[in-house]
Amino acid sequence: MNTRKRSDFQIMKKLIRLVSPLKYQMLVAILAGSISLLFFTGIGVLAGSLVFTYFSEGILSKFVIFSIIIAVILRGVFRYLEQYMNHLIAFKVLVLLRNKVFGAVMRLAPSKIENTNKGDLISMISSDMELLEVFYAHTISPVCIALVSAIIYVAYLGSIFPLGGFILLLGYILIGLVLPIIFERLADPVAFKIRKNIGGLNNNFLDLLRGIGEIITFSYQDKDNKKVQKIGAKLNKNQGQLVRQLAFLLALVDFLKVSISLIIIISAIATGQSTYVVFISAIFTYFSLEAVKAVALLGNGLSQTLACGDRILTLLEEEPAVMEIKGKNDLSLDLLEESKNELIKIEGLNFSYGDKKILKDFNLSIAKNQIVGIKGPSGCGKSTLLKLIIRFWEADSGKIEIANLDIADINTKSLYEHISYMTQTTELFEGSIRDNLLIAKNDASDEEIRDALRKAAILDYVEGLKEGLDTFTRELGDNFSSGQMQRLGLARCFLKNAPILLLDEPTSNLDSLNENIILTSIKNNMKDKTIIMVSHRASSLIICDKIINMKGKN
């Protein structure tokens, strides 16, 4: 069963369009490859002619020997030029594709990240891209070269031996068209499973790396290993199927090359051709079929390549759950200042995850510089509410207003500029502490950074480090404690200095000491901010001016 969203032709058409800016380089590659193949066939024919004349007439032509040497050299030159241009084109297109994929992920985030197997995304960016290199470097050009060469070869042999030219044409169609279609269809469902299993394997390893401590603590290694082994066994089984198909295809192509050459010999003898024509036609046929052999072998590997292409094209063409708003209203400090009594107003808000109703007819009014706490049982929609306010998700119905503007009418960039969003886990990226804080304000001075760190009660710690702001943060920030990471996250909020702050369980993973430090920093340094804090901890909500229970109790 074909598991792709597009036909092979549609996928190839869309992938080829990406090469259009490099059409002249591609033309050079095709021309060089065609000339290279002509020299390859010519070497075989000249060598055959040399042998024939030697055994029939006892003559060893120096001219033919010299011609063979020249042909070998030129074959190497044009072959190099073809491969160089093909790979140059492939790498340029892959750079373009990687940028497009990264841009698509950013455009689709955060819903795409939350609702997609992250291993699949990693697989697209890494192994899928590598397989597409096969398409651009080893598929487009060989197919065009085979077509050009086939026309020349059939015309040449047909001029000497018309029936031979017709038989050669049938051979090209069989090897270069029928076999690739058959074997591509045989490999198609297997290739899809391979890409899916690779994504699952990547996702499993991501989970393993993130939760290695828990896995060891709870002695879950054996069960986790079995999960990986199970996926690996499926992957190995499917890859084994493709390898067996490829081995059979290789043997079949070589068998057909010999068989077609033999048919040419029989046909030439039957039609009364000279011994020389019989001999040269057979050699010419065998060597010329190399043009379509490369195309025939594409059928097995092309299935995986097209499966990758389909996945990437689907990602590039996917519409975001929430469309970016441009050309409408910008928030401003003046507008925010004017909205003292109802800075944020929520009316009749409804939202569902699929069939599951999360928020139903929810209403809330928040005044400027007010700290509002949101509490309630897990799954009641506390975190969802914040994501709807910052428009990570689109409400099913109802209205959210900021400064008397419906957020659906506020330019997305402007909305993000005026809201800081902090979750229960601060993400630190590989780089220095300075780099991680500049995410919030890329032109901030070191003095501004230190002021933000001071407000977050972590400046003394950072300055006590040997490298200070240049201290390197490892992947996932694992050289910092949870409390330190949260304080660095809070420092980002201070540095951004947005008038509205959304806090999603900012102290849930912290001990009472770090919780108190975070809350004190917020209370003392954000008196001029409007804050919505979601927390299941009663102790975290003590700094709030108003507490809303998602069950409707104030």
Protein backbone atom coordinates (compact mmCIF):
# COMPACT_ATOMS: atom_id res chain seq x y z
CA MET A 1 0.00 0.00 0.00
CA ASN A 2 1.33 3.46 -0.90
CA THR A 3 1.56 5.44 2.33
CA ARG A 4 2.61 8.75 0.79
CA LYS A 5 0.44 11.82 0.53
CA ARG A 6 1.62 12.50 -3.03
CA SER A 7 2.39 10.43 -6.09
CA ASP A 8 6.01 9.80 -7.07
CA PHE A 9 5.63 12.22 -9.97
CA GLN A 10 4.29 15.00 -7.72
CA ILE A 11 7.13 14.55 -5.23
CA MET A 12 9.82 14.57 -7.92
CA LYS A 13 8.24 17.58 -9.64
CA LYS A 14 8.27 19.61 -6.42
CA LEU A 15 11.83 18.54 -5.56
CA ILE A 16 13.08 19.38 -9.06
CA ARG A 17 11.58 22.87 -8.80
CA LEU A 18 14.03 23.58 -6.01
CA VAL A 19 16.88 23.11 -8.48
CA SER A 20 15.52 25.72 -10.92
CA PRO A 21 17.88 28.49 -9.70
CA LEU A 22 20.75 26.10 -10.50
CA LYS A 23 19.50 25.00 -13.93
CA TYR A 24 22.66 26.03 -15.75
CA GLN A 25 24.89 24.07 -13.38
CA MET A 26 22.55 21.10 -13.83
CA LEU A 27 22.82 21.47 -17.62
CA VAL A 28 26.63 21.35 -17.36
CA ALA A 29 26.39 18.21 -15.18
CA ILE A 30 24.08 16.47 -17.69
CA LEU A 31 26.22 17.47 -20.66
CA ALA A 32 29.42 16.35 -18.93
CA GLY A 33 27.81 13.06 -17.86
CA SER A 34 26.53 12.35 -21.36
CA ILE A 35 29.94 13.00 -22.93
CA SER A 36 31.59 10.86 -20.23
CA LEU A 37 29.22 7.98 -21.00
CA LEU A 38 29.83 8.31 -24.73
CA PHE A 39 33.57 7.99 -24.12
CA PHE A 40 32.92 4.98 -21.85
CA THR A 41 31.01 3.19 -24.61
CA GLY A 42 33.54 4.36 -27.16
CA ILE A 43 36.38 2.79 -25.16
CA GLY A 44 34.59 -0.57 -25.27
CA VAL A 45 33.87 -0.34 -28.98
CA LEU A 46 37.44 0.78 -29.83
CA ALA A 47 38.89 -2.01 -27.71
CA GLY A 48 36.60 -4.52 -29.41
CA SER A 49 37.59 -3.19 -32.83
CA LEU A 50 41.27 -3.44 -31.88
CA VAL A 51 40.87 -7.08 -30.81
CA PHE A 52 38.82 -7.96 -33.91
CA THR A 53 41.31 -6.50 -36.39
CA TYR A 54 44.24 -8.10 -34.56
CA PHE A 55 42.78 -11.61 -34.67
CA SER A 56 41.24 -11.27 -38.14
CA GLU A 57 44.01 -9.36 -39.91
CA GLY A 58 46.94 -9.48 -37.52
CA ILE A 59 47.03 -5.68 -37.35
CA LEU A 60 47.45 -3.76 -34.08
CA SER A 61 46.42 -0.20 -34.90
CA LYS A 62 48.48 2.43 -33.10
CA PHE A 63 45.84 5.01 -33.95
CA VAL A 64 43.14 2.96 -32.21
CA ILE A 65 45.40 2.44 -29.17
CA PHE A 66 46.10 6.19 -29.03
CA SER A 67 42.37 6.91 -29.40
CA ILE A 68 41.59 4.58 -26.47
CA ILE A 69 44.14 6.37 -24.27
CA ILE A 70 42.68 9.78 -25.15
CA ALA A 71 39.15 8.47 -24.56
CA VAL A 72 40.12 7.11 -21.13
CA ILE A 73 41.59 10.48 -20.13
CA LEU A 74 38.63 12.47 -21.40
CA ARG A 75 36.20 9.99 -19.79
CA GLY A 76 37.90 10.72 -16.45
CA VAL A 77 37.80 14.50 -16.95
CA PHE A 78 34.12 14.66 -17.88
CA ARG A 79 33.17 12.10 -15.22
CA TYR A 80 34.87 14.28 -12.61
CA LEU A 81 33.10 17.39 -13.91
CA GLU A 82 29.73 15.60 -13.81
CA GLN A 83 30.20 14.36 -10.23
CA TYR A 84 31.56 17.70 -9.06
CA MET A 85 28.60 19.64 -10.48
CA ASN A 86 26.04 17.12 -9.21
CA HIS A 87 27.34 17.24 -5.65
CA LEU A 88 27.78 21.01 -5.75
CA ILE A 89 24.12 21.34 -6.77
CA ALA A 90 23.04 18.81 -4.14
CA PHE A 91 24.83 20.58 -1.29
CA LYS A 92 23.51 23.99 -2.33
CA VAL A 93 19.95 22.68 -2.51
CA LEU A 94 20.31 20.89 0.84
CA VAL A 95 21.47 24.11 2.50
CA LEU A 96 18.38 25.78 1.08
CA LEU A 97 16.17 22.90 2.26
CA ARG A 98 17.62 22.87 5.78
CA ASN A 99 16.92 26.58 6.08
CA LYS A 100 13.38 26.03 4.80
CA VAL A 101 12.75 23.16 7.23
CA PHE A 102 14.07 25.16 10.18
CA GLY A 103 11.95 28.11 9.10
CA ALA A 104 8.90 25.84 8.79
CA VAL A 105 9.41 24.43 12.29
CA MET A 106 9.68 27.96 13.67
CA ARG A 107 6.58 29.01 11.73
CA LEU A 108 4.60 26.02 12.99
CA ALA A 109 5.82 26.24 16.58
CA PRO A 110 4.86 25.77 19.31
CA SER A 111 1.92 23.55 18.33
CA LYS A 112 4.06 21.52 15.93
CA ILE A 113 6.63 20.82 18.65
CA GLU A 114 3.99 19.84 21.19
CA ASN A 115 1.99 17.57 18.87
CA THR A 116 4.73 15.90 16.85
CA ASN A 117 7.14 13.08 17.59
CA LYS A 118 10.37 15.07 18.11
CA GLY A 119 12.38 12.12 16.83
CA ASP A 120 10.56 12.52 13.51
CA LEU A 121 11.61 16.18 13.30
CA ILE A 122 15.23 15.28 14.07
CA SER A 123 15.05 12.52 11.46
CA MET A 124 13.82 15.03 8.85
CA ILE A 125 16.58 17.53 9.59
CA SER A 126 19.34 14.90 9.64
CA SER A 127 18.90 11.53 7.88
CA ASP A 128 16.04 12.58 5.57
CA MET A 129 18.16 15.46 4.29
CA GLU A 130 21.11 13.15 3.72
CA LEU A 131 18.95 10.83 1.63
CA LEU A 132 17.69 13.74 -0.46
CA GLU A 133 21.32 14.31 -1.43
CA VAL A 134 20.97 11.02 -3.35
CA PHE A 135 18.09 12.50 -5.34
CA TYR A 136 19.88 15.69 -6.29
CA ALA A 137 23.35 14.20 -6.86
CA HIS A 138 22.50 10.72 -8.18
CA THR A 139 18.99 10.78 -9.62
CA ILE A 140 18.13 13.87 -11.69
CA SER A 141 21.36 13.93 -13.65
CA PRO A 142 21.61 10.14 -14.32
CA VAL A 143 18.03 10.02 -15.62
CA CYS A 144 18.67 12.91 -18.02
CA ILE A 145 22.02 11.43 -19.05
CA ALA A 146 20.39 8.06 -19.72
CA LEU A 147 17.73 9.71 -21.87
CA VAL A 148 20.25 11.72 -23.94
CA SER A 149 22.58 8.73 -24.32
CA ALA A 150 19.76 6.34 -25.23
CA ILE A 151 18.64 8.59 -28.10
CA ILE A 152 22.21 8.80 -29.45
CA TYR A 153 22.91 5.07 -29.04
CA VAL A 154 19.65 3.90 -30.63
CA ALA A 155 20.16 6.29 -33.56
CA TYR A 156 23.74 5.08 -34.05
CA LEU A 157 23.03 1.35 -33.89
CA GLY A 158 19.87 1.81 -35.95
CA SER A 159 21.90 3.44 -38.73
CA ILE A 160 24.17 0.36 -38.91
CA PHE A 161 21.65 -2.34 -38.04
CA PRO A 162 17.99 -1.12 -37.86
CA LEU A 163 16.63 -4.21 -36.08
CA GLY A 164 19.45 -3.92 -33.56
CA GLY A 165 18.49 -0.31 -32.87
CA PHE A 166 14.87 -1.36 -32.21
CA ILE A 167 15.96 -4.19 -29.87
CA LEU A 168 18.27 -1.80 -28.03
CA LEU A 169 15.38 0.66 -27.59
CA LEU A 170 13.23 -2.11 -26.06
CA GLY A 171 16.14 -2.99 -23.77
CA TYR A 172 16.42 0.61 -22.59
CA ILE A 173 12.69 0.74 -21.86
CA LEU A 174 12.80 -2.53 -19.95
CA ILE A 175 15.87 -1.74 -17.82
CA GLY A 176 15.53 2.04 -17.53
CA LEU A 177 11.76 2.36 -17.10
CA VAL A 178 9.94 -0.89 -16.30
CA LEU A 179 12.38 -2.21 -13.67
CA PRO A 180 12.64 1.07 -11.69
CA ILE A 181 8.83 1.37 -11.55
CA ILE A 182 8.37 -2.24 -10.39
CA PHE A 183 11.10 -2.17 -7.76
CA GLU A 184 10.17 1.30 -6.52
CA ARG A 185 6.62 0.10 -5.87
CA LEU A 186 7.91 -3.04 -4.15
CA ALA A 187 10.16 -0.94 -1.91
CA ASP A 188 7.70 1.90 -1.26
CA PRO A 189 5.82 0.55 1.80
CA VAL A 190 9.06 -0.82 3.27
CA ALA A 191 10.79 2.55 2.85
CA PHE A 192 7.94 4.33 4.64
CA LYS A 193 8.23 1.93 7.58
CA ILE A 194 11.98 2.51 7.72
CA ARG A 195 11.58 6.31 7.94
CA LYS A 196 8.89 5.87 10.62
CA ASN A 197 11.04 3.48 12.65
CA ILE A 198 14.06 5.78 12.42
CA GLY A 199 11.89 8.61 13.79
CA GLY A 200 10.70 6.34 16.61
CA LEU A 201 14.26 5.32 17.40
CA ASN A 202 15.38 8.96 17.54
CA ASN A 203 12.48 9.82 19.83
CA ASN A 204 13.32 6.89 22.10
CA PHE A 205 16.91 8.06 22.41
CA LEU A 206 15.76 11.60 23.18
CA ASP A 207 13.57 10.25 26.00
CA LEU A 208 16.49 8.13 27.20
CA LEU A 209 18.87 11.10 27.31
CA ARG A 210 16.36 13.35 29.06
CA GLY A 211 15.37 10.76 31.66
CA ILE A 212 18.60 8.82 32.14
CA GLY A 213 18.62 9.59 35.87
CA GLU A 214 15.09 8.24 36.41
CA ILE A 215 15.78 5.19 34.26
CA ILE A 216 18.80 4.26 36.36
CA THR A 217 17.14 5.10 39.68
CA PHE A 218 14.08 2.97 38.97
CA SER A 219 16.09 0.18 37.30
CA TYR A 220 14.22 0.62 34.04
CA GLN A 221 17.26 -0.07 31.86
CA ASP A 222 16.20 -3.57 30.78
CA LYS A 223 12.70 -2.52 29.69
CA ASP A 224 14.04 0.56 27.93
CA ASN A 225 16.66 -1.54 26.16
CA LYS A 226 13.93 -3.93 25.04
CA LYS A 227 11.98 -1.00 23.56
CA VAL A 228 15.03 0.15 21.60
CA GLN A 229 15.82 -3.42 20.53
CA LYS A 230 12.24 -3.95 19.35
CA ILE A 231 12.35 -0.83 17.16
CA GLY A 232 15.85 -1.76 15.98
CA ALA A 233 14.67 -5.26 15.05
CA LYS A 234 11.83 -3.83 12.95
CA LEU A 235 14.25 -1.42 11.29
CA ASN A 236 16.74 -4.20 10.60
CA LYS A 237 14.00 -6.42 9.14
CA ASN A 238 12.78 -3.69 6.80
CA GLN A 239 16.30 -2.71 5.73
CA GLY A 240 17.02 -6.38 5.09
CA GLN A 241 14.05 -6.49 2.71
CA LEU A 242 15.45 -3.55 0.73
CA VAL A 243 18.92 -5.12 0.61
CA ARG A 244 17.49 -8.40 -0.74
CA GLN A 245 15.49 -6.49 -3.34
CA LEU A 246 18.60 -4.56 -4.35
CA ALA A 247 20.70 -7.73 -4.66
CA PHE A 248 18.03 -9.31 -6.86
CA LEU A 249 17.78 -6.15 -8.95
CA LEU A 250 21.55 -6.04 -9.51
CA ALA A 251 21.59 -9.65 -10.64
CA LEU A 252 18.55 -9.10 -12.87
CA VAL A 253 20.04 -6.03 -14.58
CA ASP A 254 23.32 -7.83 -15.34
CA PHE A 255 21.36 -10.82 -16.64
CA LEU A 256 19.32 -8.54 -18.91
CA LYS A 257 22.44 -6.77 -20.20
CA VAL A 258 23.95 -10.09 -21.27
CA SER A 259 20.61 -11.38 -22.62
CA ILE A 260 19.95 -8.26 -24.73
CA SER A 261 23.50 -8.39 -26.11
CA LEU A 262 22.96 -12.06 -26.99
CA ILE A 263 19.65 -11.23 -28.72
CA ILE A 264 21.48 -8.55 -30.73
CA ILE A 265 24.06 -11.13 -31.82
CA ILE A 266 21.39 -13.64 -32.87
CA SER A 267 19.42 -10.95 -34.71
CA ALA A 268 22.51 -9.67 -36.51
CA ILE A 269 23.47 -13.17 -37.64
CA ALA A 270 19.89 -13.94 -38.69
CA THR A 271 19.71 -10.80 -40.84
CA GLY A 272 23.01 -11.56 -42.55
CA GLN A 273 25.18 -8.88 -40.97
CA SER A 274 28.94 -9.11 -41.35
CA THR A 275 31.02 -10.72 -38.62
CA TYR A 276 32.47 -7.30 -37.76
CA VAL A 277 28.98 -5.74 -37.36
CA VAL A 278 27.85 -8.70 -35.22
CA PHE A 279 30.89 -8.40 -32.97
CA ILE A 280 30.84 -4.60 -32.61
CA SER A 281 27.04 -4.45 -32.17
CA ALA A 282 27.25 -6.90 -29.27
CA ILE A 283 30.04 -4.95 -27.54
CA PHE A 284 28.33 -1.63 -28.24
CA THR A 285 25.04 -2.93 -26.80
CA TYR A 286 26.60 -4.30 -23.62
CA PHE A 287 28.54 -1.10 -22.85
CA SER A 288 25.72 1.26 -23.88
CA LEU A 289 23.29 -0.42 -21.46
CA GLU A 290 25.41 0.99 -18.64
CA ALA A 291 23.59 4.28 -19.29
CA VAL A 292 20.31 2.84 -18.03
CA LYS A 293 21.77 0.50 -15.40
CA ALA A 294 22.23 3.46 -13.05
CA VAL A 295 18.58 4.40 -13.60
CA ALA A 296 17.40 0.85 -12.97
CA LEU A 297 19.15 0.75 -9.60
CA LEU A 298 17.38 3.95 -8.56
CA GLY A 299 14.11 2.07 -8.14
CA ASN A 300 15.19 0.42 -4.90
CA GLY A 301 16.77 3.44 -3.22
CA LEU A 302 14.42 6.01 -4.72
CA SER A 303 11.54 4.73 -2.59
CA GLN A 304 13.31 5.86 0.58
CA THR A 305 14.36 9.13 -1.02
CA LEU A 306 10.81 9.92 -2.13
CA ALA A 307 9.45 8.94 1.30
CA CYS A 308 11.86 11.47 2.81
CA GLY A 309 10.93 14.05 0.20
CA ASP A 310 7.24 13.56 0.92
CA ARG A 311 7.75 14.02 4.68
CA ILE A 312 9.78 17.19 4.18
CA LEU A 313 7.39 18.64 1.59
CA THR A 314 4.48 17.94 3.95
CA LEU A 315 6.27 19.87 6.69
CA LEU A 316 7.07 22.78 4.36
CA GLU A 317 3.49 23.01 3.13
CA GLU A 318 1.80 22.53 6.51
CA GLU A 319 -0.30 25.42 7.73
CA PRO A 320 0.34 26.60 11.30
CA ALA A 321 -2.36 26.06 13.92
CA VAL A 322 -2.18 29.80 14.57
CA MET A 323 -1.49 32.14 11.65
CA GLU A 324 0.88 35.06 12.21
CA ILE A 325 -0.92 38.41 12.22
CA LYS A 326 0.59 41.25 10.22
CA GLY A 327 -0.64 44.63 9.08
CA LYS A 328 -3.09 45.19 11.92
CA ASN A 329 -2.61 46.86 15.33
CA ASP A 330 0.54 47.24 17.38
CA LEU A 331 0.48 47.33 21.15
CA SER A 332 2.13 50.36 22.73
CA LEU A 333 3.01 51.48 26.24
CA ASP A 334 0.57 54.36 25.83
CA LEU A 335 -2.29 51.95 25.07
CA LEU A 336 -1.34 49.78 28.02
CA GLU A 337 -1.15 52.81 30.30
CA GLU A 338 -4.67 53.89 29.34
CA SER A 339 -6.16 50.48 30.26
CA LYS A 340 -5.80 50.56 34.05
CA ASN A 341 -9.01 48.85 35.14
CA GLU A 342 -9.16 46.15 32.45
CA LEU A 343 -5.74 45.64 30.91
CA ILE A 344 -6.59 42.02 30.06
CA LYS A 345 -10.21 41.03 29.51
CA ILE A 346 -11.40 37.49 28.73
CA GLU A 347 -15.01 36.85 27.78
CA GLY A 348 -16.80 33.57 26.98
CA LEU A 349 -13.56 31.72 26.22
CA ASN A 350 -13.92 28.16 24.90
CA PHE A 351 -11.15 25.79 23.89
CA SER A 352 -10.81 22.07 23.19
CA TYR A 353 -7.93 19.72 22.48
CA GLY A 354 -9.58 17.57 19.84
CA ASP A 355 -12.77 16.23 21.41
CA LYS A 356 -11.69 17.09 24.95
CA LYS A 357 -13.22 20.30 26.27
CA ILE A 358 -10.64 22.25 28.31
CA LEU A 359 -12.16 25.71 28.79
CA LYS A 360 -15.87 26.46 28.73
CA ASP A 361 -17.31 29.97 28.83
CA PHE A 362 -14.34 31.27 30.87
CA ASN A 363 -14.31 34.93 31.93
CA LEU A 364 -11.58 36.97 33.62
CA SER A 365 -10.68 40.64 34.09
CA ILE A 366 -7.18 41.76 35.11
CA ALA A 367 -6.23 45.33 35.99
CA LYS A 368 -2.91 46.98 35.14
CA ASN A 369 -0.03 46.08 37.53
CA GLN A 370 -2.14 43.41 39.19
CA ILE A 371 -0.75 40.00 40.13
CA VAL A 372 -3.37 37.34 39.48
CA GLY A 373 -2.94 33.73 40.56
CA ILE A 374 -4.62 30.84 38.73
CA LYS A 375 -5.11 27.56 40.57
CA GLY A 376 -7.06 24.40 39.98
CA PRO A 377 -6.66 20.65 39.42
CA SER A 378 -4.36 19.24 36.76
CA GLY A 379 -5.95 19.33 33.31
CA CYS A 380 -8.41 22.10 34.09
CA GLY A 381 -6.78 24.45 31.55
CA LYS A 382 -4.50 26.67 33.65
CA SER A 383 -1.49 26.42 31.33
CA THR A 384 -3.75 26.41 28.27
CA LEU A 385 -5.15 29.78 29.34
CA LEU A 386 -1.68 31.34 29.24
CA LYS A 387 -0.99 29.83 25.82
CA LEU A 388 -4.24 31.31 24.54
CA ILE A 389 -3.36 34.76 25.92
CA ILE A 390 0.02 34.72 24.17
CA ARG A 391 -1.73 33.18 21.14
CA PHE A 392 0.29 29.98 20.94
CA TRP A 393 -3.14 28.44 20.40
CA GLU A 394 -6.31 29.83 18.84
CA ALA A 395 -9.49 29.80 20.95
CA ASP A 396 -12.52 27.96 19.59
CA SER A 397 -14.72 30.91 20.51
CA GLY A 398 -14.82 33.84 22.89
CA LYS A 399 -12.58 36.85 23.09
CA ILE A 400 -9.29 37.88 24.71
CA GLU A 401 -8.53 41.60 24.79
CA ILE A 402 -5.35 43.41 25.80
CA ALA A 403 -5.62 47.19 26.13
CA ASN A 404 -9.09 47.00 24.54
CA LEU A 405 -7.66 45.28 21.45
CA ASP A 406 -8.74 41.77 20.51
CA ILE A 407 -5.52 39.70 20.35
CA ALA A 408 -6.73 38.44 16.96
CA ASP A 409 -6.25 42.04 15.77
CA ILE A 410 -2.82 42.56 17.35
CA ASN A 411 0.26 41.97 15.19
CA THR A 412 1.93 38.79 16.44
CA LYS A 413 5.39 40.33 16.73
CA SER A 414 4.02 43.23 18.75
CA LEU A 415 2.13 40.84 21.06
CA TYR A 416 5.30 38.86 21.77
CA GLU A 417 7.28 42.06 22.39
CA HIS A 418 4.93 43.07 25.21
CA ILE A 419 4.62 39.68 26.93
CA SER A 420 7.20 37.56 28.74
CA TYR A 421 6.38 33.88 29.15
CA MET A 422 8.14 31.72 31.72
CA THR A 423 7.44 28.02 32.27
CA GLN A 424 8.31 25.59 35.04
CA THR A 425 11.48 24.53 33.23
CA THR A 426 13.87 27.13 31.82
CA GLU A 427 15.69 25.94 28.72
CA LEU A 428 19.38 26.83 28.53
CA PHE A 429 21.17 26.43 25.23
CA GLU A 430 24.79 25.60 24.54
CA GLY A 431 26.73 28.84 24.80
CA SER A 432 27.67 31.33 27.47
CA ILE A 433 25.41 32.72 30.19
CA ARG A 434 25.54 35.99 28.30
CA ASP A 435 24.36 34.29 25.08
CA ASN A 436 21.47 32.70 26.92
CA LEU A 437 20.32 36.02 28.38
CA LEU A 438 20.71 37.94 25.12
CA ILE A 439 17.85 35.81 23.78
CA ALA A 440 15.58 38.18 25.70
CA LYS A 441 17.24 41.36 24.40
CA ASN A 442 19.92 40.89 21.78
CA ASP A 443 21.40 44.38 22.12
CA ALA A 444 21.58 44.41 25.93
CA SER A 445 24.79 45.69 27.51
CA ASP A 446 26.66 43.73 30.18
CA GLU A 447 25.46 46.30 32.69
CA GLU A 448 21.83 45.58 31.78
CA ILE A 449 22.50 41.85 32.00
CA ARG A 450 24.03 42.21 35.46
CA ASP A 451 21.08 44.31 36.60
CA ALA A 452 18.69 41.56 35.43
CA LEU A 453 20.78 38.93 37.23
CA ARG A 454 20.76 41.04 40.39
CA LYS A 455 16.97 41.34 40.32
CA ALA A 456 16.75 37.56 39.85
CA ALA A 457 19.03 37.08 42.88
CA ILE A 458 21.70 35.18 40.96
CA LEU A 459 24.28 37.88 40.16
CA ASP A 460 26.55 36.95 43.07
CA TYR A 461 26.60 33.35 41.93
CA VAL A 462 27.42 34.23 38.31
CA GLU A 463 30.17 36.68 39.26
CA GLY A 464 31.62 34.03 41.54
CA LEU A 465 32.14 31.71 38.57
CA LYS A 466 35.62 31.69 37.04
CA GLU A 467 34.38 32.83 33.61
CA GLY A 468 31.51 35.00 34.90
CA LEU A 469 29.08 35.86 32.09
CA ASP A 470 31.27 33.85 29.71
CA THR A 471 30.66 30.64 31.66
CA PHE A 472 29.64 27.95 29.19
CA THR A 473 26.24 26.34 29.66
CA ARG A 474 26.20 22.74 28.53
CA GLU A 475 23.37 21.11 26.59
CA LEU A 476 20.08 21.38 28.52
CA GLY A 477 21.94 23.45 31.13
CA ASP A 478 22.97 20.36 33.09
CA ASN A 479 25.81 22.22 34.85
CA PHE A 480 23.22 24.32 36.71
CA SER A 481 20.70 23.32 39.34
CA SER A 482 16.94 23.66 38.76
CA GLY A 483 16.82 26.72 41.03
CA GLN A 484 19.70 28.40 39.21
CA MET A 485 18.13 27.69 35.82
CA GLN A 486 14.81 29.17 36.93
CA ARG A 487 16.53 32.28 38.25
CA LEU A 488 18.35 32.64 34.93
CA GLY A 489 14.96 32.29 33.24
CA LEU A 490 13.60 35.01 35.50
CA ALA A 491 16.61 37.17 34.61
CA ARG A 492 15.56 36.86 30.97
CA CYS A 493 12.16 38.27 31.92
CA PHE A 494 13.76 41.17 33.79
CA LEU A 495 16.03 41.86 30.82
CA LYS A 496 13.15 41.83 28.32
CA ASN A 497 11.21 44.14 30.64
CA ALA A 498 7.84 43.40 29.02
CA PRO A 499 4.82 45.00 30.73
CA ILE A 500 2.93 41.67 30.93
CA LEU A 501 4.37 38.53 32.49
CA LEU A 502 2.88 35.03 32.19
CA LEU A 503 4.27 32.53 34.70
CA ASP A 504 3.41 28.87 34.18
CA GLU A 505 4.28 26.89 37.35
CA PRO A 506 7.59 28.77 37.74
CA THR A 507 8.37 27.21 41.14
CA SER A 508 6.85 23.73 40.83
CA ASN A 509 10.23 22.00 40.53
CA LEU A 510 11.98 24.03 43.23
CA ASP A 511 12.56 23.61 46.93
CA SER A 512 11.08 26.11 49.37
CA LEU A 513 14.30 28.17 49.49
CA ASN A 514 14.50 28.70 45.73
CA GLU A 515 10.75 29.21 45.57
CA ASN A 516 11.02 32.01 48.11
CA ILE A 517 13.92 33.61 46.20
CA ILE A 518 11.92 33.58 42.93
CA LEU A 519 8.75 34.96 44.54
CA THR A 520 10.63 37.68 46.42
CA SER A 521 12.35 38.75 43.20
CA ILE A 522 9.03 38.98 41.42
CA LYS A 523 7.30 40.83 44.24
CA ASN A 524 10.09 43.38 44.76
CA ASN A 525 11.11 44.04 41.17
CA MET A 526 7.92 43.71 39.14
CA LYS A 527 5.57 46.11 40.85
CA ASP A 528 4.99 47.91 37.57
CA LYS A 529 4.10 44.69 35.68
CA THR A 530 0.85 42.87 35.11
CA ILE A 531 1.38 39.25 36.09
CA ILE A 532 -0.64 36.08 35.68
CA MET A 533 0.80 33.19 37.66
CA VAL A 534 -0.37 29.60 37.26
CA SER A 535 0.54 27.31 40.14
CA HIS A 536 -0.74 24.30 42.03
CA ARG A 537 1.26 25.46 45.08
CA ALA A 538 -0.65 27.63 47.52
CA SER A 539 2.70 28.98 48.77
CA SER A 540 3.51 30.35 45.30
CA LEU A 541 0.28 32.33 45.14
CA ILE A 542 0.81 34.30 48.36
CA ILE A 543 2.23 37.24 46.40
CA CYS A 544 -0.94 37.49 44.27
CA ASP A 545 -3.48 40.31 44.59
CA LYS A 546 -6.25 38.01 43.38
CA ILE A 547 -6.55 34.23 43.05
CA ILE A 548 -8.84 32.56 40.52
CA ASN A 549 -9.91 28.97 40.92
CA MET A 550 -10.50 27.37 37.53
CA LYS A 551 -13.61 25.80 39.05
CA GLY A 552 -15.00 29.31 39.29
CA LYS A 553 -14.22 30.16 42.90
CA ASN A 554 -12.45 33.46 43.70
